[in-house]
PDB file of N, CA and C in Angstrom:
ATOM      1  N   MET A   1      32.906  38.757 -26.705  1.00  0.00           N
ATOM      2  CA  MET A   1      32.286  39.663 -25.648  1.00  0.00           C
ATOM      3  C   MET A   1      31.145  38.957 -25.113  1.00  0.00           C
ATOM      4  N   SER A   2      30.367  38.334 -25.936  1.00  0.00           N
ATOM      5  CA  SER A   2      29.009  37.652 -25.467  1.00  0.00           C
ATOM      6  C   SER A   2      29.409  36.431 -24.505  1.00  0.00           C
ATOM      7  N   TYR A   3      30.369  35.835 -24.893  1.00  0.00           N
ATOM      8  CA  TYR A   3      31.004  34.608 -24.072  1.00  0.00           C
ATOM      9  C   TYR A   3      31.263  35.129 -22.727  1.00  0.00           C
ATOM     10  N   LYS A   4      32.088  36.208 -22.531  1.00  0.00           N
ATOM     11  CA  LYS A   4      32.317  36.828 -21.316  1.00  0.00           C
ATOM     12  C   LYS A   4      31.115  37.356 -20.629  1.00  0.00           C
ATOM     13  N   THR A   5      30.253  37.986 -21.337  1.00  0.00           N
ATOM     14  CA  THR A   5      29.134  38.278 -20.576  1.00  0.00           C
ATOM     15  C   THR A   5      28.132  37.294 -20.145  1.00  0.00           C
ATOM     16  N   PHE A   6      27.968  36.166 -21.030  1.00  0.00           N
ATOM     17  CA  PHE A   6      27.203  35.140 -20.657  1.00  0.00           C
ATOM     18  C   PHE A   6      27.744  34.683 -19.223  1.00  0.00           C
ATOM     19  N   ASN A   7      28.955  34.339 -19.210  1.00  0.00           N
ATOM     20  CA  ASN A   7      29.898  33.400 -18.128  1.00  0.00           C
ATOM     21  C   ASN A   7      29.581  34.285 -16.870  1.00  0.00           C
ATOM     22  N   GLY A   8      29.842  35.765 -16.933  1.00  0.00           N
ATOM     23  CA  GLY A   8      29.791  36.517 -16.112  1.00  0.00           C
ATOM     24  C   GLY A   8      28.497  36.558 -15.208  1.00  0.00           C
ATOM     25  N   VAL A   9      27.437  36.759 -16.044  1.00  0.00           N
ATOM     26  CA  VAL A   9      25.969  36.662 -15.459  1.00  0.00           C
ATOM     27  C   VAL A   9      25.547  35.394 -14.989  1.00  0.00           C
ATOM     28  N   LYS A  10      26.061  34.329 -15.653  1.00  0.00           N
ATOM     29  CA  LYS A  10      25.892  32.922 -15.011  1.00  0.00           C
ATOM     30  C   LYS A  10      26.446  32.689 -13.654  1.00  0.00           C
ATOM     31  N   ASN A  11      27.831  33.086 -13.623  1.00  0.00           N
ATOM     32  CA  ASN A  11      28.437  32.980 -12.350  1.00  0.00           C
ATOM     33  C   ASN A  11      27.822  33.852 -11.464  1.00  0.00           C
ATOM     34  N   CYS A  12      27.434  35.003 -11.587  1.00  0.00           N
ATOM     35  CA  CYS A  12      26.746  35.981 -10.813  1.00  0.00           C
ATOM     36  C   CYS A  12      25.846  35.334 -10.158  1.00  0.00           C
ATOM     37  N   CYS A  13      24.815  35.051 -11.057  1.00  0.00           N
ATOM     38  CA  CYS A  13      23.638  34.572 -10.525  1.00  0.00           C
ATOM     39  C   CYS A  13      23.656  33.184  -9.813  1.00  0.00           C
ATOM     40  N   TYR A  14      24.520  32.470  -9.937  1.00  0.00           N
ATOM     41  CA  TYR A  14      24.837  31.245  -9.339  1.00  0.00           C
ATOM     42  C   TYR A  14      25.564  31.585  -7.943  1.00  0.00           C
ATOM     43  N   ILE A  15      25.946  32.693  -7.701  1.00  0.00           N
ATOM     44  CA  ILE A  15      26.469  33.053  -6.334  1.00  0.00           C
ATOM     45  C   ILE A  15      25.655  33.807  -5.560  1.00  0.00           C
ATOM     46  N   VAL A  16      24.804  34.512  -6.151  1.00  0.00           N
ATOM     47  CA  VAL A  16      23.747  35.047  -5.380  1.00  0.00           C
ATOM     48  C   VAL A  16      22.640  34.335  -5.034  1.00  0.00           C
ATOM     49  N   LEU A  17      22.410  33.190  -5.898  1.00  0.00           N
ATOM     50  CA  LEU A  17      21.364  32.178  -5.656  1.00  0.00           C
ATOM     51  C   LEU A  17      21.753  31.124  -4.721  1.00  0.00           C
ATOM     52  N   SER A  18      23.174  31.039  -4.581  1.00  0.00           N
ATOM     53  CA  SER A  18      23.630  30.272  -3.416  1.00  0.00           C
ATOM     54  C   SER A  18      23.899  30.638  -2.306  1.00  0.00           C
ATOM     55  N   VAL A  19      23.874  32.049  -2.223  1.00  0.00           N
ATOM     56  CA  VAL A  19      23.726  32.728  -0.989  1.00  0.00           C
ATOM     57  C   VAL A  19      22.534  32.719  -0.547  1.00  0.00           C
ATOM     58  N   LEU A  20      21.491  33.077  -1.251  1.00  0.00           N
ATOM     59  CA  LEU A  20      20.076  33.364  -0.911  1.00  0.00           C
ATOM     60  C   LEU A  20      19.546  32.041  -0.423  1.00  0.00           C
ATOM     61  N   CYS A  21      19.681  31.090  -1.117  1.00  0.00           N
ATOM     62  CA  CYS A  21      18.904  29.695  -0.911  1.00  0.00           C
ATOM     63  C   CYS A  21      19.705  28.553  -0.178  1.00  0.00           C
ATOM     64  N   GLY A  22      21.131  28.648  -0.485  1.00  0.00           N
ATOM     65  CA  GLY A  22      21.936  27.698   0.307  1.00  0.00           C
ATOM     66  C   GLY A  22      22.035  27.731   1.730  1.00  0.00           C
ATOM     67  N   CYS A  23      22.238  29.225   2.336  1.00  0.00           N
ATOM     68  CA  CYS A  23      22.422  29.347   3.703  1.00  0.00           C
ATOM     69  C   CYS A  23      21.273  29.091   4.331  1.00  0.00           C
ATOM     70  N   PRO A  24      19.918  29.347   3.822  1.00  0.00           N
ATOM     71  CA  PRO A  24      18.913  29.059   4.739  1.00  0.00           C
ATOM     72  C   PRO A  24      18.684  27.671   4.772  1.00  0.00           C
ATOM     73  N   LEU A  25      18.649  27.175   3.630  1.00  0.00           N
ATOM     74  CA  LEU A  25      18.826  25.576   3.617  1.00  0.00           C
ATOM     75  C   LEU A  25      19.716  24.784   4.532  1.00  0.00           C
ATOM     76  N   ALA A  26      20.866  25.469   4.320  1.00  0.00           N
ATOM     77  CA  ALA A  26      21.884  24.542   5.346  1.00  0.00           C
ATOM     78  C   ALA A  26      21.365  24.707   6.692  1.00  0.00           C
ATOM     79  N   PHE A  27      20.969  25.972   7.084  1.00  0.00           N
ATOM     80  CA  PHE A  27      20.321  26.275   8.445  1.00  0.00           C
ATOM     81  C   PHE A  27      19.293  25.190   8.986  1.00  0.00           C
ATOM     82  N   CYS A  28      18.492  25.138   7.921  1.00  0.00           N
ATOM     83  CA  CYS A  28      17.383  24.145   8.268  1.00  0.00           C
ATOM     84  C   CYS A  28      17.874  22.680   8.443  1.00  0.00           C
ATOM     85  N   TRP A  29      18.620  22.297   7.423  1.00  0.00           N
ATOM     86  CA  TRP A  29      19.175  21.077   7.475  1.00  0.00           C
ATOM     87  C   TRP A  29      19.999  20.515   8.563  1.00  0.00           C
ATOM     88  N   ALA A  30      20.721  21.867   9.264  1.00  0.00           N
ATOM     89  CA  ALA A  30      21.423  21.609  10.483  1.00  0.00           C
ATOM     90  C   ALA A  30      20.317  21.425  11.847  1.00  0.00           C
ATOM     91  N   LEU A  31      19.127  22.186  11.708  1.00  0.00           N
ATOM     92  CA  LEU A  31      18.255  22.140  12.616  1.00  0.00           C
ATOM     93  C   LEU A  31      17.678  20.782  12.539  1.00  0.00           C
ATOM     94  N   GLU A  32      17.195  20.209  11.658  1.00  0.00           N
ATOM     95  CA  GLU A  32      16.633  19.008  11.440  1.00  0.00           C
ATOM     96  C   GLU A  32      17.594  17.960  11.998  1.00  0.00           C
ATOM     97  N   PHE A  33      18.895  17.978  11.607  1.00  0.00           N
ATOM     98  CA  PHE A  33      19.759  17.187  12.150  1.00  0.00           C
ATOM     99  C   PHE A  33      20.186  16.885  13.499  1.00  0.00           C
ATOM    100  N   ALA A  34      20.062  18.234  14.143  1.00  0.00           N
ATOM    101  CA  ALA A  34      20.118  18.149  15.711  1.00  0.00           C
ATOM    102  C   ALA A  34      18.873  17.519  16.370  1.00  0.00           C
ATOM    103  N   CYS A  35      17.836  18.044  15.708  1.00  0.00           N
ATOM    104  CA  CYS A  35      16.637  17.330  16.385  1.00  0.00           C
ATOM    105  C   CYS A  35      16.547  15.816  16.545  1.00  0.00           C
ATOM    106  N   VAL A  36      16.913  15.245  15.102  1.00  0.00           N
ATOM    107  CA  VAL A  36      17.065  13.750  14.971  1.00  0.00           C
ATOM    108  C   VAL A  36      17.996  13.338  15.881  1.00  0.00           C
ATOM    109  N   GLN A  37      19.113  14.021  16.017  1.00  0.00           N
ATOM    110  CA  GLN A  37      20.282  13.311  16.948  1.00  0.00           C
ATOM    111  C   GLN A  37      19.877  13.500  18.375  1.00  0.00           C
ATOM    112  N   CYS A  38      19.120  14.471  18.717  1.00  0.00           N
ATOM    113  CA  CYS A  38      18.512  14.620  20.237  1.00  0.00           C
ATOM    114  C   CYS A  38      17.362  13.809  20.740  1.00  0.00           C
ATOM    115  N   CYS A  39      16.672  13.397  19.540  1.00  0.00           N
ATOM    116  CA  CYS A  39      15.670  12.350  19.685  1.00  0.00           C
ATOM    117  C   CYS A  39      16.296  10.994  20.094  1.00  0.00           C
ATOM    118  N   HIS A  40      17.415  10.537  19.075  1.00  0.00           N
ATOM    119  CA  HIS A  40      17.850   9.592  18.996  1.00  0.00           C
ATOM    120  C   HIS A  40      18.821   9.213  20.565  1.00  0.00           C
ATOM    121  N   ILE A  41      19.542  10.057  20.965  1.00  0.00           N
ATOM    122  CA  ILE A  41      20.377  10.074  22.093  1.00  0.00           C
ATOM    123  C   ILE A  41      19.481  10.067  23.386  1.00  0.00           C
ATOM    124  N   TRP A  42      18.492  10.793  23.499  1.00  0.00           N
ATOM    125  CA  TRP A  42      17.472  10.836  24.633  1.00  0.00           C
ATOM    126  C   TRP A  42      16.316   9.951  24.643  1.00  0.00           C
ATOM    127  N   CYS A  43      15.762   9.476  23.509  1.00  0.00           N
ATOM    128  CA  CYS A  43      14.591   8.571  23.461  1.00  0.00           C
ATOM    129  C   CYS A  43      15.224   7.202  23.046  1.00  0.00           C
ATOM    130  N   VAL A  44      15.512   7.207  22.004  1.00  0.00           N
ATOM    131  CA  VAL A  44      15.799   5.917  21.350  1.00  0.00           C
ATOM    132  C   VAL A  44      16.707   4.780  21.895  1.00  0.00           C
ATOM    133  N   GLY A  45      17.973   5.551  22.193  1.00  0.00           N
ATOM    134  CA  GLY A  45      19.104   4.825  22.865  1.00  0.00           C
ATOM    135  C   GLY A  45      18.356   4.192  24.392  1.00  0.00           C
ATOM    136  N   PRO A  46      17.880   5.092  25.242  1.00  0.00           N
ATOM    137  CA  PRO A  46      17.401   4.585  26.430  1.00  0.00           C
ATOM    138  C   PRO A  46      16.430   3.562  26.046  1.00  0.00           C
ATOM    139  N   CYS A  47      15.688   3.570  25.277  1.00  0.00           N
ATOM    140  CA  CYS A  47      14.350   2.524  25.145  1.00  0.00           C
ATOM    141  C   CYS A  47      15.114   1.422  24.771  1.00  0.00           C
ATOM    142  N   ILE A  48      16.031   1.387  23.760  1.00  0.00           N
ATOM    143  CA  ILE A  48      16.589   0.023  23.528  1.00  0.00           C
ATOM    144  C   ILE A  48      17.495  -0.719  24.561  1.00  0.00           C
ATOM    145  N   ARG A  49      17.883   0.099  25.222  1.00  0.00           N
ATOM    146  CA  ARG A  49      18.880  -0.236  26.574  1.00  0.00           C
ATOM    147  C   ARG A  49      17.741  -1.012  27.493  1.00  0.00           C
ATOM    148  N   MET A  50      16.731  -0.279  27.689  1.00  0.00           N
ATOM    149  CA  MET A  50      15.677  -0.847  28.470  1.00  0.00           C
ATOM    150  C   MET A  50      15.159  -1.955  28.161  1.00  0.00           C
ATOM    151  N   TRP A  51      14.877  -2.284  26.801  1.00  0.00           N
ATOM    152  CA  TRP A  51      14.055  -3.378  26.119  1.00  0.00           C
ATOM    153  C   TRP A  51      15.182  -4.545  26.328  1.00  0.00           C
ATOM    154  N   ASN A  52      16.334  -4.428  26.168  1.00  0.00           N
ATOM    155  CA  ASN A  52      17.403  -5.286  26.370  1.00  0.00           C
ATOM    156  C   ASN A  52      17.378  -5.899  27.644  1.00  0.00           C
ATOM    157  N   MET A  53      17.285  -4.835  28.805  1.00  0.00           N
ATOM    158  CA  MET A  53      17.463  -5.659  29.959  1.00  0.00           C
ATOM    159  C   MET A  53      16.337  -6.164  30.411  1.00  0.00           C
ATOM    160  N   ASN A  54      15.087  -5.720  30.157  1.00  0.00           N
ATOM    161  CA  ASN A  54      13.789  -6.360  30.447  1.00  0.00           C
ATOM    162  C   ASN A  54      13.725  -7.722  29.747  1.00  0.00           C
ATOM    163  N   PHE A  55      14.133  -7.774  28.583  1.00  0.00           N
ATOM    164  CA  PHE A  55      13.899  -9.096  27.808  1.00  0.00           C
ATOM    165  C   PHE A  55      14.965 -10.143  27.835  1.00  0.00           C
ATOM    166  N   SER A  56      15.958  -9.630  28.548  1.00  0.00           N
ATOM    167  CA  SER A  56      17.210 -10.809  28.693  1.00  0.00           C
ATOM    168  C   SER A  56      16.674 -12.029  29.273  1.00  0.00           C
ATOM    169  N   CYS A  57      15.916 -11.763  30.406  1.00  0.00           N
ATOM    170  CA  CYS A  57      15.281 -13.048  30.870  1.00  0.00           C
ATOM    171  C   CYS A  57      14.482 -14.041  30.029  1.00  0.00           C
ATOM    172  N   MET A  58      13.756 -13.302  29.112  1.00  0.00           N
ATOM    173  CA  MET A  58      12.792 -14.147  28.217  1.00  0.00           C
ATOM    174  C   MET A  58      13.627 -14.513  27.188  1.00  0.00           C
ATOM    175  N   LYS A  59      14.850 -14.155  26.799  1.00  0.00           N
ATOM    176  CA  LYS A  59      15.697 -14.416  25.842  1.00  0.00           C
ATOM    177  C   LYS A  59      16.188 -15.785  26.207  1.00  0.00           C
ATOM    178  N   LEU A  60      16.742 -15.868  27.649  1.00  0.00           N
ATOM    179  CA  LEU A  60      17.289 -17.112  28.205  1.00  0.00           C
ATOM    180  C   LEU A  60      16.352 -18.009  28.154  1.00  0.00           C
ATOM    181  N   PHE A  61      15.053 -17.697  28.766  1.00  0.00           N
ATOM    182  CA  PHE A  61      14.233 -18.713  28.797  1.00  0.00           C
ATOM    183  C   PHE A  61      13.661 -19.298  27.427  1.00  0.00           C
ATOM    184  N   TRP A  62      13.463 -18.612  26.414  1.00  0.00           N
ATOM    185  CA  TRP A  62      13.103 -19.053  25.148  1.00  0.00           C
ATOM    186  C   TRP A  62      14.259 -19.863  24.306  1.00  0.00           C
ATOM    187  N   SER A  63      15.420 -19.663  24.591  1.00  0.00           N
ATOM    188  CA  SER A  63      16.732 -20.379  24.168  1.00  0.00           C
ATOM    189  C   SER A  63      16.796 -21.727  24.641  1.00  0.00           C
ATOM    190  N   SER A  64      16.331 -21.819  26.004  1.00  0.00           N
ATOM    191  CA  SER A  64      16.461 -23.061  26.942  1.00  0.00           C
ATOM    192  C   SER A  64      15.249 -23.978  26.321  1.00  0.00           C
ATOM    193  N   CYS A  65      14.270 -23.403  26.207  1.00  0.00           N
ATOM    194  CA  CYS A  65      13.032 -24.131  25.569  1.00  0.00           C
ATOM    195  C   CYS A  65      13.426 -24.701  24.028  1.00  0.00           C
ATOM    196  N   VAL A  66      13.753 -23.693  23.298  1.00  0.00           N
ATOM    197  CA  VAL A  66      14.273 -24.244  21.821  1.00  0.00           C
ATOM    198  C   VAL A  66      15.312 -25.409  21.979  1.00  0.00           C
ATOM    199  N   HIS A  67      16.125 -25.146  22.831  1.00  0.00           N
ATOM    200  CA  HIS A  67      17.447 -26.186  22.656  1.00  0.00           C
ATOM    201  C   HIS A  67      16.677 -27.481  23.481  1.00  0.00           C
ATOM    202  N   CYS A  68      15.737 -27.372  24.420  1.00  0.00           N
ATOM    203  CA  CYS A  68      15.539 -28.930  24.936  1.00  0.00           C
ATOM    204  C   CYS A  68      14.477 -29.505  24.107  1.00  0.00           C
ATOM    205  N   LEU A  69      13.735 -28.675  23.123  1.00  0.00           N
ATOM    206  CA  LEU A  69      12.682 -29.355  22.328  1.00  0.00           C
ATOM    207  C   LEU A  69      13.468 -29.847  20.903  1.00  0.00           C
ATOM    208  N   CYS A  70      14.526 -29.202  20.524  1.00  0.00           N
ATOM    209  CA  CYS A  70      14.961 -29.245  19.127  1.00  0.00           C
ATOM    210  C   CYS A  70      16.254 -29.749  19.048  1.00  0.00           C
ATOM    211  N   ASP A  71      17.034 -29.839  20.071  1.00  0.00           N
ATOM    212  CA  ASP A  71      18.394 -30.369  20.114  1.00  0.00           C
ATOM    213  C   ASP A  71      18.208 -31.790  19.988  1.00  0.00           C
ATOM    214  N   PRO A  72      17.257 -32.805  20.802  1.00  0.00           N
ATOM    215  CA  PRO A  72      17.418 -34.068  20.573  1.00  0.00           C
ATOM    216  C   PRO A  72      16.975 -34.582  18.987  1.00  0.00           C
ATOM    217  N   CYS A  73      16.048 -33.904  18.732  1.00  0.00           N
ATOM    218  CA  CYS A  73      15.504 -34.472  17.322  1.00  0.00           C
ATOM    219  C   CYS A  73      16.714 -34.057  16.232  1.00  0.00           C
ATOM    220  N   TYR A  74      17.293 -32.996  16.418  1.00  0.00           N
ATOM    221  CA  TYR A  74      18.308 -32.685  15.316  1.00  0.00           C
ATOM    222  C   TYR A  74      19.533 -33.596  15.446  1.00  0.00           C
ATOM    223  N   GLU A  75      19.977 -33.983  16.905  1.00  0.00           N
ATOM    224  CA  GLU A  75      21.133 -34.630  17.055  1.00  0.00           C
ATOM    225  C   GLU A  75      21.012 -36.222  16.664  1.00  0.00           C
ATOM    226  N   SER A  76      19.706 -36.802  16.917  1.00  0.00           N
ATOM    227  CA  SER A  76      19.250 -37.937  16.517  1.00  0.00           C
ATOM    228  C   SER A  76      19.066 -38.092  14.687  1.00  0.00           C
ATOM    229  N   ARG A  77      18.600 -37.229  14.005  1.00  0.00           N
ATOM    230  CA  ARG A  77      18.611 -37.111  12.815  1.00  0.00           C
ATOM    231  C   ARG A  77      20.059 -37.208  12.329  1.00  0.00           C
ATOM    232  N   GLY A  78      20.758 -36.350  12.731  1.00  0.00           N
ATOM    233  CA  GLY A  78      22.238 -36.248  12.383  1.00  0.00           C
ATOM    234  C   GLY A  78      22.992 -37.397  12.635  1.00  0.00           C
ATOM    235  N   LEU A  79      22.941 -38.217  13.584  1.00  0.00           N
ATOM    236  CA  LEU A  79      23.227 -39.528  13.866  1.00  0.00           C
ATOM    237  C   LEU A  79      22.920 -40.783  12.833  1.00  0.00           C
ATOM    238  N   CYS A  80      21.496 -40.497  12.733  1.00  0.00           N
ATOM    239  CA  CYS A  80      21.135 -41.588  11.614  1.00  0.00           C
ATOM    240  C   CYS A  80      21.624 -41.218  10.226  1.00  0.00           C
ATOM    241  N   LEU A  81      21.719 -40.061  10.010  1.00  0.00           N
ATOM    242  CA  LEU A  81      22.088 -39.637   8.454  1.00  0.00           C
ATOM    243  C   LEU A  81      23.629 -39.815   8.362  1.00  0.00           C
ATOM    244  N   SER A  82      24.371 -39.962   9.444  1.00  0.00           N
ATOM    245  CA  SER A  82      25.787 -39.772   9.529  1.00  0.00           C
ATOM    246  C   SER A  82      26.639 -41.116   8.981  1.00  0.00           C
ATOM    247  N   PHE A  83      25.635 -42.236   8.983  1.00  0.00           N
ATOM    248  CA  PHE A  83      25.987 -43.561   8.530  1.00  0.00           C
ATOM    249  C   PHE A  83      25.792 -43.657   6.978  1.00  0.00           C
ATOM    250  N   ILE A  84      25.347 -42.695   6.380  1.00  0.00           N
ATOM    251  CA  ILE A  84      25.043 -42.984   4.918  1.00  0.00           C
ATOM    252  C   ILE A  84      26.073 -42.800   4.250  1.00  0.00           C
ATOM    253  N   LYS A  85      26.530 -43.615   3.129  1.00  0.00           N
ATOM    254  CA  LYS A  85      27.808 -43.400   2.543  1.00  0.00           C
ATOM    255  C   LYS A  85      27.094 -43.460   1.112  1.00  0.00           C
ATOM    256  N   VAL A  86      27.848 -42.550   0.352  1.00  0.00           N
ATOM    257  CA  VAL A  86      27.571 -42.344  -0.887  1.00  0.00           C
ATOM    258  C   VAL A  86      28.839 -43.135  -1.773  1.00  0.00           C
ATOM    259  N   HIS A  87      28.712 -43.974  -2.759  1.00  0.00           N
ATOM    260  CA  HIS A  87      29.683 -44.412  -3.488  1.00  0.00           C
ATOM    261  C   HIS A  87      29.610 -44.012  -4.981  1.00  0.00           C
ATOM    262  N   LYS A  88      30.608 -43.744  -5.654  1.00  0.00           N
ATOM    263  CA  LYS A  88      30.566 -43.066  -6.939  1.00  0.00           C
ATOM    264  C   LYS A  88      30.615 -44.247  -7.998  1.00  0.00           C
ATOM    265  N   THR A  89      29.747 -44.391  -8.957  1.00  0.00           N
ATOM    266  CA  THR A  89      29.418 -45.267  -9.990  1.00  0.00           C
ATOM    267  C   THR A  89      29.958 -44.798 -10.912  1.00  0.00           C
ATOM    268  N   GLU A  90      30.664 -45.770 -11.718  1.00  0.00           N
ATOM    269  CA  GLU A  90      31.415 -45.456 -13.035  1.00  0.00           C
ATOM    270  C   GLU A  90      30.321 -45.782 -14.104  1.00  0.00           C
ATOM    271  N   GLY A  91      30.351 -44.768 -15.005  1.00  0.00           N
ATOM    272  CA  GLY A  91      29.411 -45.050 -16.041  1.00  0.00           C
ATOM    273  C   GLY A  91      29.408 -43.921 -17.043  1.00  0.00           C
TER     274      GLY A  91
END
């Protein structure tokens, strides 16, 4: 009888506490999620799109500068190092 009483009280307390605490917490988390999504859709997304539109020209300029300055050095270094041959020695 004590086992049934214990389990009955435990299950009843669990259900009551779940209803009293779980529902308000679920409501609060839903509001929080809605606010975060609204901010992301109406603020963050447009800012990222605007950033990409405004800096695409700067990206093109920067990549051209890097290619003009670095590509000749790396190509000549690669050409010089391409003639190196490694021979396997027995020993």
